[in-house]
Amino acid sequence: MPKDIDDIIKEITKLSKQISSIDNSLSNNIKDLKKDLKNLDKKVNRILEKIEELEVVMEVSELMDEEDYEDNSLYDTEWNPYKDGIDTENYGEDNEDNLD
């Protein structure tokens, strides 16, 4: 074979090896990127779950605050015997029994 053809074949072989190397490198990079994306997706999903839990807690807290505000039991600073759970209807009757 003439020297020119031999040189061309060597150059083609060299280029083919380089292309194969680049292809392998790109394949590995793509695999790594896919793995990283899966990990990121898992982390984002965990964060979204925590945000949803927090939203539920915040909604419950807001509902409780609204109920407490409507009830005024938290904001009423004056003492009221009717809110202490004392049964005033039977109060006098119980005292009469205890005196005997």
PDB file of N, CA and C in Angstrom:
ATOM      1  N   MET A   1       0.828  -1.174   0.000  1.00  0.00           N
ATOM      2  CA  MET A   1       0.000   0.000   0.000  1.00  0.00           C
ATOM      3  C   MET A   1       0.873   1.237   0.000  1.00  0.00           C
ATOM      4  N   PRO A   2       0.375   2.205  -0.675  1.00  0.00           N
ATOM      5  CA  PRO A   2       1.163   3.428  -0.691  1.00  0.00           C
ATOM      6  C   PRO A   2       1.145   4.078   0.697  1.00  0.00           C
ATOM      7  N   LYS A   3       2.147   4.833   0.945  1.00  0.00           N
ATOM      8  CA  LYS A   3       2.342   5.484   2.237  1.00  0.00           C
ATOM      9  C   LYS A   3       1.205   6.446   2.558  1.00  0.00           C
ATOM     10  N   ASP A   4       0.686   7.127   1.602  1.00  0.00           N
ATOM     11  CA  ASP A   4      -0.416   8.069   1.835  1.00  0.00           C
ATOM     12  C   ASP A   4      -1.665   7.345   2.363  1.00  0.00           C
ATOM     13  N   ILE A   5      -1.954   6.215   1.766  1.00  0.00           N
ATOM     14  CA  ILE A   5      -3.134   5.454   2.188  1.00  0.00           C
ATOM     15  C   ILE A   5      -2.907   4.906   3.599  1.00  0.00           C
ATOM     16  N   ASP A   6      -1.721   4.450   3.879  1.00  0.00           N
ATOM     17  CA  ASP A   6      -1.371   3.952   5.216  1.00  0.00           C
ATOM     18  C   ASP A   6      -1.536   5.057   6.268  1.00  0.00           C
ATOM     19  N   ASP A   7      -1.086   6.243   5.959  1.00  0.00           N
ATOM     20  CA  ASP A   7      -1.207   7.383   6.869  1.00  0.00           C
ATOM     21  C   ASP A   7      -2.678   7.741   7.092  1.00  0.00           C
ATOM     22  N   ILE A   8      -3.441   7.675   6.044  1.00  0.00           N
ATOM     23  CA  ILE A   8      -4.870   7.993   6.158  1.00  0.00           C
ATOM     24  C   ILE A   8      -5.571   6.958   7.046  1.00  0.00           C
ATOM     25  N   ILE A   9      -5.247   5.697   6.871  1.00  0.00           N
ATOM     26  CA  ILE A   9      -5.853   4.633   7.680  1.00  0.00           C
ATOM     27  C   ILE A   9      -5.470   4.819   9.150  1.00  0.00           C
ATOM     28  N   LYS A  10      -4.209   5.149   9.418  1.00  0.00           N
ATOM     29  CA  LYS A  10      -3.760   5.398  10.790  1.00  0.00           C
ATOM     30  C   LYS A  10      -4.515   6.591  11.392  1.00  0.00           C
ATOM     31  N   GLU A  11      -4.669   7.630  10.628  1.00  0.00           N
ATOM     32  CA  GLU A  11      -5.375   8.828  11.110  1.00  0.00           C
ATOM     33  C   GLU A  11      -6.846   8.514  11.381  1.00  0.00           C
ATOM     34  N   ILE A  12      -7.462   7.729  10.497  1.00  0.00           N
ATOM     35  CA  ILE A  12      -8.862   7.333  10.694  1.00  0.00           C
ATOM     36  C   ILE A  12      -8.990   6.476  11.947  1.00  0.00           C
ATOM     37  N   THR A  13      -8.091   5.569  12.167  1.00  0.00           N
ATOM     38  CA  THR A  13      -8.099   4.724  13.367  1.00  0.00           C
ATOM     39  C   THR A  13      -7.928   5.570  14.621  1.00  0.00           C
ATOM     40  N   LYS A  14      -7.029   6.521  14.571  1.00  0.00           N
ATOM     41  CA  LYS A  14      -6.785   7.418  15.703  1.00  0.00           C
ATOM     42  C   LYS A  14      -8.041   8.243  16.001  1.00  0.00           C
ATOM     43  N   LEU A  15      -8.643   8.790  14.948  1.00  0.00           N
ATOM     44  CA  LEU A  15      -9.854   9.580  15.123  1.00  0.00           C
ATOM     45  C   LEU A  15     -11.022   8.717  15.645  1.00  0.00           C
ATOM     46  N   SER A  16     -11.096   7.509  15.173  1.00  0.00           N
ATOM     47  CA  SER A  16     -12.136   6.588  15.631  1.00  0.00           C
ATOM     48  C   SER A  16     -11.991   6.308  17.127  1.00  0.00           C
ATOM     49  N   LYS A  17     -10.779   6.118  17.603  1.00  0.00           N
ATOM     50  CA  LYS A  17     -10.528   5.900  19.032  1.00  0.00           C
ATOM     51  C   LYS A  17     -10.893   7.142  19.845  1.00  0.00           C
ATOM     52  N   GLN A  18     -10.565   8.300  19.309  1.00  0.00           N
ATOM     53  CA  GLN A  18     -10.894   9.540  20.005  1.00  0.00           C
ATOM     54  C   GLN A  18     -12.419   9.721  20.104  1.00  0.00           C
ATOM     55  N   ILE A  19     -13.096   9.434  19.005  1.00  0.00           N
ATOM     56  CA  ILE A  19     -14.554   9.539  18.996  1.00  0.00           C
ATOM     57  C   ILE A  19     -15.158   8.549  19.990  1.00  0.00           C
ATOM     58  N   SER A  20     -14.642   7.345  20.020  1.00  0.00           N
ATOM     59  CA  SER A  20     -15.131   6.332  20.960  1.00  0.00           C
ATOM     60  C   SER A  20     -14.905   6.780  22.403  1.00  0.00           C
ATOM     61  N   SER A  21     -13.756   7.355  22.659  1.00  0.00           N
ATOM     62  CA  SER A  21     -13.437   7.853  24.000  1.00  0.00           C
ATOM     63  C   SER A  21     -14.389   8.986  24.402  1.00  0.00           C
ATOM     64  N   ILE A  22     -14.617   9.891  23.474  1.00  0.00           N
ATOM     65  CA  ILE A  22     -15.536  10.998  23.731  1.00  0.00           C
ATOM     66  C   ILE A  22     -16.946  10.463  23.965  1.00  0.00           C
ATOM     67  N   ASP A  23     -17.357   9.494  23.176  1.00  0.00           N
ATOM     68  CA  ASP A  23     -18.682   8.899  23.319  1.00  0.00           C
ATOM     69  C   ASP A  23     -18.831   8.239  24.694  1.00  0.00           C
ATOM     70  N   ASN A  24     -17.831   7.502  25.124  1.00  0.00           N
ATOM     71  CA  ASN A  24     -17.861   6.873  26.451  1.00  0.00           C
ATOM     72  C   ASN A  24     -17.918   7.923  27.553  1.00  0.00           C
ATOM     73  N   SER A  25     -17.127   8.953  27.394  1.00  0.00           N
ATOM     74  CA  SER A  25     -17.109  10.025  28.389  1.00  0.00           C
ATOM     75  C   SER A  25     -18.474  10.711  28.481  1.00  0.00           C
ATOM     76  N   LEU A  26     -19.056  10.995  27.322  1.00  0.00           N
ATOM     77  CA  LEU A  26     -20.379  11.614  27.304  1.00  0.00           C
ATOM     78  C   LEU A  26     -21.432  10.689  27.898  1.00  0.00           C
ATOM     79  N   SER A  27     -21.350   9.422  27.609  1.00  0.00           N
ATOM     80  CA  SER A  27     -22.298   8.460  28.176  1.00  0.00           C
ATOM     81  C   SER A  27     -22.195   8.440  29.698  1.00  0.00           C
ATOM     82  N   ASN A  28     -20.983   8.444  30.205  1.00  0.00           N
ATOM     83  CA  ASN A  28     -20.787   8.460  31.656  1.00  0.00           C
ATOM     84  C   ASN A  28     -21.308   9.760  32.269  1.00  0.00           C
ATOM     85  N   ASN A  29     -21.049  10.863  31.576  1.00  0.00           N
ATOM     86  CA  ASN A  29     -21.552  12.146  32.073  1.00  0.00           C
ATOM     87  C   ASN A  29     -23.078  12.169  32.103  1.00  0.00           C
ATOM     88  N   ILE A  30     -23.685  11.610  31.079  1.00  0.00           N
ATOM     89  CA  ILE A  30     -25.143  11.558  31.018  1.00  0.00           C
ATOM     90  C   ILE A  30     -25.693  10.686  32.148  1.00  0.00           C
ATOM     91  N   LYS A  31     -25.048   9.547  32.390  1.00  0.00           N
ATOM     92  CA  LYS A  31     -25.466   8.680  33.495  1.00  0.00           C
ATOM     93  C   LYS A  31     -25.352   9.415  34.829  1.00  0.00           C
ATOM     94  N   ASP A  32     -24.254  10.139  35.023  1.00  0.00           N
ATOM     95  CA  ASP A  32     -24.069  10.899  36.262  1.00  0.00           C
ATOM     96  C   ASP A  32     -25.121  11.993  36.399  1.00  0.00           C
ATOM     97  N   LEU A  33     -25.415  12.658  35.280  1.00  0.00           N
ATOM     98  CA  LEU A  33     -26.443  13.694  35.309  1.00  0.00           C
ATOM     99  C   LEU A  33     -27.818  13.115  35.642  1.00  0.00           C
ATOM    100  N   LYS A  34     -28.139  11.971  35.074  1.00  0.00           N
ATOM    101  CA  LYS A  34     -29.410  11.326  35.378  1.00  0.00           C
ATOM    102  C   LYS A  34     -29.489  10.951  36.856  1.00  0.00           C
ATOM    103  N   LYS A  35     -28.402  10.431  37.389  1.00  0.00           N
ATOM    104  CA  LYS A  35     -28.365  10.060  38.802  1.00  0.00           C
ATOM    105  C   LYS A  35     -28.526  11.300  39.682  1.00  0.00           C
ATOM    106  N   ASP A  36     -27.837  12.371  39.328  1.00  0.00           N
ATOM    107  CA  ASP A  36     -27.948  13.619  40.086  1.00  0.00           C
ATOM    108  C   ASP A  36     -29.360  14.190  40.011  1.00  0.00           C
ATOM    109  N   LEU A  37     -29.969  14.108  38.827  1.00  0.00           N
ATOM    110  CA  LEU A  37     -31.345  14.602  38.672  1.00  0.00           C
ATOM    111  C   LEU A  37     -32.333  13.782  39.507  1.00  0.00           C
ATOM    112  N   LYS A  38     -32.120  12.483  39.578  1.00  0.00           N
ATOM    113  CA  LYS A  38     -32.989  11.647  40.407  1.00  0.00           C
ATOM    114  C   LYS A  38     -32.850  12.034  41.878  1.00  0.00           C
ATOM    115  N   ASN A  39     -31.604  12.256  42.315  1.00  0.00           N
ATOM    116  CA  ASN A  39     -31.387  12.661  43.702  1.00  0.00           C
ATOM    117  C   ASN A  39     -32.023  14.018  43.991  1.00  0.00           C
ATOM    118  N   LEU A  40     -31.874  14.949  43.068  1.00  0.00           N
ATOM    119  CA  LEU A  40     -32.495  16.264  43.229  1.00  0.00           C
ATOM    120  C   LEU A  40     -34.019  16.157  43.267  1.00  0.00           C
ATOM    121  N   ASP A  41     -34.553  15.305  42.426  1.00  0.00           N
ATOM    122  CA  ASP A  41     -35.995  15.110  42.392  1.00  0.00           C
ATOM    123  C   ASP A  41     -36.495  14.558  43.731  1.00  0.00           C
ATOM    124  N   LYS A  42     -35.783  13.603  44.292  1.00  0.00           N
ATOM    125  CA  LYS A  42     -36.154  13.055  45.599  1.00  0.00           C
ATOM    126  C   LYS A  42     -36.114  14.136  46.680  1.00  0.00           C
ATOM    127  N   LYS A  43     -35.063  14.949  46.657  1.00  0.00           N
ATOM    128  CA  LYS A  43     -34.924  16.006  47.658  1.00  0.00           C
ATOM    129  C   LYS A  43     -36.022  17.053  47.504  1.00  0.00           C
ATOM    130  N   VAL A  44     -36.327  17.420  46.265  1.00  0.00           N
ATOM    131  CA  VAL A  44     -37.382  18.399  46.024  1.00  0.00           C
ATOM    132  C   VAL A  44     -38.729  17.838  46.496  1.00  0.00           C
ATOM    133  N   ASN A  45     -38.973  16.566  46.237  1.00  0.00           N
ATOM    134  CA  ASN A  45     -40.222  15.947  46.687  1.00  0.00           C
ATOM    135  C   ASN A  45     -40.315  15.936  48.210  1.00  0.00           C
ATOM    136  N   ARG A  46     -39.201  15.652  48.893  1.00  0.00           N
ATOM    137  CA  ARG A  46     -39.193  15.689  50.359  1.00  0.00           C
ATOM    138  C   ARG A  46     -39.483  17.107  50.858  1.00  0.00           C
ATOM    139  N   ILE A  47     -38.893  18.084  50.211  1.00  0.00           N
ATOM    140  CA  ILE A  47     -39.133  19.483  50.604  1.00  0.00           C
ATOM    141  C   ILE A  47     -40.602  19.838  50.386  1.00  0.00           C
ATOM    142  N   LEU A  48     -41.161  19.421  49.261  1.00  0.00           N
ATOM    143  CA  LEU A  48     -42.577  19.694  48.988  1.00  0.00           C
ATOM    144  C   LEU A  48     -43.481  19.031  50.020  1.00  0.00           C
ATOM    145  N   GLU A  49     -43.134  17.807  50.438  1.00  0.00           N
ATOM    146  CA  GLU A  49     -43.919  17.129  51.471  1.00  0.00           C
ATOM    147  C   GLU A  49     -43.871  17.914  52.779  1.00  0.00           C
ATOM    148  N   LYS A  50     -42.689  18.398  53.133  1.00  0.00           N
ATOM    149  CA  LYS A  50     -42.544  19.178  54.367  1.00  0.00           C
ATOM    150  C   LYS A  50     -43.322  20.492  54.269  1.00  0.00           C
ATOM    151  N   ILE A  51     -43.312  21.110  53.097  1.00  0.00           N
ATOM    152  CA  ILE A  51     -44.064  22.353  52.903  1.00  0.00           C
ATOM    153  C   ILE A  51     -45.555  22.073  53.060  1.00  0.00           C
ATOM    154  N   GLU A  52     -46.035  20.963  52.490  1.00  0.00           N
ATOM    155  CA  GLU A  52     -47.448  20.615  52.622  1.00  0.00           C
ATOM    156  C   GLU A  52     -47.811  20.381  54.086  1.00  0.00           C
ATOM    157  N   GLU A  53     -46.926  19.684  54.836  1.00  0.00           N
ATOM    158  CA  GLU A  53     -47.169  19.469  56.260  1.00  0.00           C
ATOM    159  C   GLU A  53     -47.225  20.809  56.996  1.00  0.00           C
ATOM    160  N   LEU A  54     -46.318  21.691  56.650  1.00  0.00           N
ATOM    161  CA  LEU A  54     -46.292  22.998  57.289  1.00  0.00           C
ATOM    162  C   LEU A  54     -47.555  23.791  56.957  1.00  0.00           C
ATOM    163  N   GLU A  55     -48.013  23.703  55.733  1.00  0.00           N
ATOM    164  CA  GLU A  55     -49.237  24.399  55.344  1.00  0.00           C
ATOM    165  C   GLU A  55     -50.424  23.886  56.156  1.00  0.00           C
ATOM    166  N   VAL A  56     -50.485  22.571  56.370  1.00  0.00           N
ATOM    167  CA  VAL A  56     -51.574  21.999  57.157  1.00  0.00           C
ATOM    168  C   VAL A  56     -51.501  22.512  58.592  1.00  0.00           C
ATOM    169  N   VAL A  57     -50.298  22.520  59.156  1.00  0.00           N
ATOM    170  CA  VAL A  57     -50.123  23.004  60.523  1.00  0.00           C
ATOM    171  C   VAL A  57     -50.510  24.478  60.618  1.00  0.00           C
ATOM    172  N   MET A  58     -50.109  25.260  59.638  1.00  0.00           N
ATOM    173  CA  MET A  58     -50.446  26.686  59.643  1.00  0.00           C
ATOM    174  C   MET A  58     -51.957  26.888  59.527  1.00  0.00           C
ATOM    175  N   GLU A  59     -52.624  26.113  58.676  1.00  0.00           N
ATOM    176  CA  GLU A  59     -54.069  26.237  58.528  1.00  0.00           C
ATOM    177  C   GLU A  59     -54.776  25.877  59.825  1.00  0.00           C
ATOM    178  N   VAL A  60     -54.329  24.795  60.467  1.00  0.00           N
ATOM    179  CA  VAL A  60     -54.932  24.398  61.738  1.00  0.00           C
ATOM    180  C   VAL A  60     -54.700  25.484  62.779  1.00  0.00           C
ATOM    181  N   SER A  61     -53.504  26.034  62.791  1.00  0.00           N
ATOM    182  CA  SER A  61     -53.189  27.099  63.741  1.00  0.00           C
ATOM    183  C   SER A  61     -54.072  28.317  63.499  1.00  0.00           C
ATOM    184  N   GLU A  62     -54.260  28.680  62.254  1.00  0.00           N
ATOM    185  CA  GLU A  62     -55.124  29.818  61.927  1.00  0.00           C
ATOM    186  C   GLU A  62     -56.563  29.545  62.349  1.00  0.00           C
ATOM    187  N   LEU A  63     -57.042  28.323  62.104  1.00  0.00           N
ATOM    188  CA  LEU A  63     -58.398  27.967  62.506  1.00  0.00           C
ATOM    189  C   LEU A  63     -58.551  28.031  64.015  1.00  0.00           C
ATOM    190  N   MET A  64     -57.544  27.547  64.727  1.00  0.00           N
ATOM    191  CA  MET A  64     -57.594  27.589  66.186  1.00  0.00           C
ATOM    192  C   MET A  64     -57.582  29.039  66.679  1.00  0.00           C
ATOM    193  N   ASP A  65     -56.763  29.870  66.054  1.00  0.00           N
ATOM    194  CA  ASP A  65     -56.726  31.278  66.425  1.00  0.00           C
ATOM    195  C   ASP A  65     -58.075  31.939  66.174  1.00  0.00           C
ATOM    196  N   GLU A  66     -58.696  31.630  65.041  1.00  0.00           N
ATOM    197  CA  GLU A  66     -60.009  32.209  64.723  1.00  0.00           C
ATOM    198  C   GLU A  66     -61.052  31.760  65.734  1.00  0.00           C
ATOM    199  N   GLU A  67     -61.024  30.477  66.107  1.00  0.00           N
ATOM    200  CA  GLU A  67     -61.973  29.972  67.089  1.00  0.00           C
ATOM    201  C   GLU A  67     -61.735  30.633  68.442  1.00  0.00           C
ATOM    202  N   ASP A  68     -60.488  30.770  68.832  1.00  0.00           N
ATOM    203  CA  ASP A  68     -60.166  31.405  70.106  1.00  0.00           C
ATOM    204  C   ASP A  68     -60.566  32.876  70.088  1.00  0.00           C
ATOM    205  N   TYR A  69     -60.377  33.514  68.964  1.00  0.00           N
ATOM    206  CA  TYR A  69     -60.742  34.927  68.855  1.00  0.00           C
ATOM    207  C   TYR A  69     -62.264  35.083  68.951  1.00  0.00           C
ATOM    208  N   GLU A  70     -62.974  34.183  68.267  1.00  0.00           N
ATOM    209  CA  GLU A  70     -64.433  34.240  68.315  1.00  0.00           C
ATOM    210  C   GLU A  70     -64.943  33.917  69.711  1.00  0.00           C
ATOM    211  N   ASP A  71     -64.276  32.989  70.388  1.00  0.00           N
ATOM    212  CA  ASP A  71     -64.672  32.584  71.730  1.00  0.00           C
ATOM    213  C   ASP A  71     -64.271  33.638  72.758  1.00  0.00           C
ATOM    214  N   ASN A  72     -63.249  34.408  72.442  1.00  0.00           N
ATOM    215  CA  ASN A  72     -62.702  35.445  73.320  1.00  0.00           C
ATOM    216  C   ASN A  72     -62.137  34.888  74.621  1.00  0.00           C
ATOM    217  N   SER A  73     -61.966  33.567  74.721  1.00  0.00           N
ATOM    218  CA  SER A  73     -61.470  33.014  75.976  1.00  0.00           C
ATOM    219  C   SER A  73     -59.999  33.355  76.198  1.00  0.00           C
ATOM    220  N   LEU A  74     -59.266  33.540  75.160  1.00  0.00           N
ATOM    221  CA  LEU A  74     -57.849  33.890  75.330  1.00  0.00           C
ATOM    222  C   LEU A  74     -57.654  35.376  75.575  1.00  0.00           C
ATOM    223  N   TYR A  75     -58.577  36.171  75.073  1.00  0.00           N
ATOM    224  CA  TYR A  75     -58.386  37.614  75.143  1.00  0.00           C
ATOM    225  C   TYR A  75     -59.138  38.256  76.315  1.00  0.00           C
ATOM    226  N   ASP A  76     -59.966  37.468  77.018  1.00  0.00           N
ATOM    227  CA  ASP A  76     -60.725  37.982  78.152  1.00  0.00           C
ATOM    228  C   ASP A  76     -59.855  37.891  79.399  1.00  0.00           C
ATOM    229  N   THR A  77     -59.484  39.021  79.957  1.00  0.00           N
ATOM    230  CA  THR A  77     -58.583  39.024  81.112  1.00  0.00           C
ATOM    231  C   THR A  77     -59.331  39.159  82.420  1.00  0.00           C
ATOM    232  N   GLU A  78     -60.626  39.423  82.373  1.00  0.00           N
ATOM    233  CA  GLU A  78     -61.403  39.553  83.593  1.00  0.00           C
ATOM    234  C   GLU A  78     -61.880  38.188  84.053  1.00  0.00           C
ATOM    235  N   TRP A  79     -61.890  38.000  85.375  1.00  0.00           N
ATOM    236  CA  TRP A  79     -62.345  36.737  85.929  1.00  0.00           C
ATOM    237  C   TRP A  79     -63.856  36.658  85.831  1.00  0.00           C
ATOM    238  N   ASN A  80     -64.331  35.503  85.445  1.00  0.00           N
ATOM    239  CA  ASN A  80     -65.760  35.289  85.317  1.00  0.00           C
ATOM    240  C   ASN A  80     -66.077  33.935  85.944  1.00  0.00           C
ATOM    241  N   PRO A  81     -66.897  33.869  86.986  1.00  0.00           N
ATOM    242  CA  PRO A  81     -67.169  32.586  87.652  1.00  0.00           C
ATOM    243  C   PRO A  81     -67.910  31.603  86.756  1.00  0.00           C
ATOM    244  N   TYR A  82     -68.615  32.110  85.758  1.00  0.00           N
ATOM    245  CA  TYR A  82     -69.364  31.217  84.879  1.00  0.00           C
ATOM    246  C   TYR A  82     -68.459  30.491  83.893  1.00  0.00           C
ATOM    247  N   LYS A  83     -67.280  30.999  83.657  1.00  0.00           N
ATOM    248  CA  LYS A  83     -66.342  30.352  82.741  1.00  0.00           C
ATOM    249  C   LYS A  83     -65.413  29.394  83.458  1.00  0.00           C
ATOM    250  N   ASP A  84     -65.449  29.354  84.805  1.00  0.00           N
ATOM    251  CA  ASP A  84     -64.565  28.469  85.553  1.00  0.00           C
ATOM    252  C   ASP A  84     -65.139  27.073  85.703  1.00  0.00           C
ATOM    253  N   GLY A  85     -66.362  26.852  85.254  1.00  0.00           N
ATOM    254  CA  GLY A  85     -66.952  25.530  85.327  1.00  0.00           C
ATOM    255  C   GLY A  85     -67.596  25.235  86.671  1.00  0.00           C
ATOM    256  N   ILE A  86     -67.867  26.236  87.499  1.00  0.00           N
ATOM    257  CA  ILE A  86     -68.509  26.041  88.792  1.00  0.00           C
ATOM    258  C   ILE A  86     -70.008  25.932  88.563  1.00  0.00           C
ATOM    259  N   ASP A  87     -70.591  24.904  89.148  1.00  0.00           N
ATOM    260  CA  ASP A  87     -72.029  24.691  89.025  1.00  0.00           C
ATOM    261  C   ASP A  87     -72.713  25.506  90.109  1.00  0.00           C
ATOM    262  N   THR A  88     -73.216  26.695  89.754  1.00  0.00           N
ATOM    263  CA  THR A  88     -73.800  27.600  90.748  1.00  0.00           C
ATOM    264  C   THR A  88     -75.216  27.212  91.120  1.00  0.00           C
ATOM    265  N   GLU A  89     -75.883  26.412  90.319  1.00  0.00           N
ATOM    266  CA  GLU A  89     -77.261  26.019  90.627  1.00  0.00           C
ATOM    267  C   GLU A  89     -77.313  25.105  91.838  1.00  0.00           C
ATOM    268  N   ASN A  90     -76.393  24.180  91.954  1.00  0.00           N
ATOM    269  CA  ASN A  90     -76.386  23.224  93.051  1.00  0.00           C
ATOM    270  C   ASN A  90     -75.459  23.646  94.176  1.00  0.00           C
ATOM    271  N   TYR A  91     -74.905  24.792  94.103  1.00  0.00           N
ATOM    272  CA  TYR A  91     -73.921  25.231  95.092  1.00  0.00           C
ATOM    273  C   TYR A  91     -74.535  25.338  96.473  1.00  0.00           C
ATOM    274  N   GLY A  92     -75.676  25.936  96.582  1.00  0.00           N
ATOM    275  CA  GLY A  92     -76.319  26.108  97.882  1.00  0.00           C
ATOM    276  C   GLY A  92     -76.791  24.797  98.467  1.00  0.00           C
ATOM    277  N   GLU A  93     -77.270  23.902  97.636  1.00  0.00           N
ATOM    278  CA  GLU A  93     -77.769  22.606  98.118  1.00  0.00           C
ATOM    279  C   GLU A  93     -76.654  21.767  98.684  1.00  0.00           C
ATOM    280  N   ASP A  94     -75.484  21.756  98.050  1.00  0.00           N
ATOM    281  CA  ASP A  94     -74.355  20.975  98.539  1.00  0.00           C
ATOM    282  C   ASP A  94     -73.887  21.488  99.890  1.00  0.00           C
ATOM    283  N   ASN A  95     -73.888  22.784 100.083  1.00  0.00           N
ATOM    284  CA  ASN A  95     -73.444  23.358 101.337  1.00  0.00           C
ATOM    285  C   ASN A  95     -74.381  23.021 102.482  1.00  0.00           C
ATOM    286  N   GLU A  96     -75.666  22.934 102.233  1.00  0.00           N
ATOM    287  CA  GLU A  96     -76.625  22.602 103.261  1.00  0.00           C
ATOM    288  C   GLU A  96     -76.434  21.178 103.742  1.00  0.00           C
ATOM    289  N   ASP A  97     -76.088  20.254 102.812  1.00  0.00           N
ATOM    290  CA  ASP A  97     -75.870  18.854 103.189  1.00  0.00           C
ATOM    291  C   ASP A  97     -74.621  18.703 104.032  1.00  0.00           C
ATOM    292  N   ASN A  98     -73.600  19.483 103.764  1.00  0.00           N
ATOM    293  CA  ASN A  98     -72.339  19.361 104.474  1.00  0.00           C
ATOM    294  C   ASN A  98     -72.406  19.922 105.883  1.00  0.00           C
ATOM    295  N   LEU A  99     -73.383  20.769 106.207  1.00  0.00           N
ATOM    296  CA  LEU A  99     -73.469  21.370 107.523  1.00  0.00           C
ATOM    297  C   LEU A  99     -74.048  20.408 108.556  1.00  0.00           C
ATOM    298  N   ASP A 100     -74.753  19.418 108.176  1.00  0.00           N
ATOM    299  CA  ASP A 100     -75.366  18.501 109.140  1.00  0.00           C
ATOM    300  C   ASP A 100     -74.373  17.568 109.783  1.00  0.00           C
TER     301      ASP A 100
END
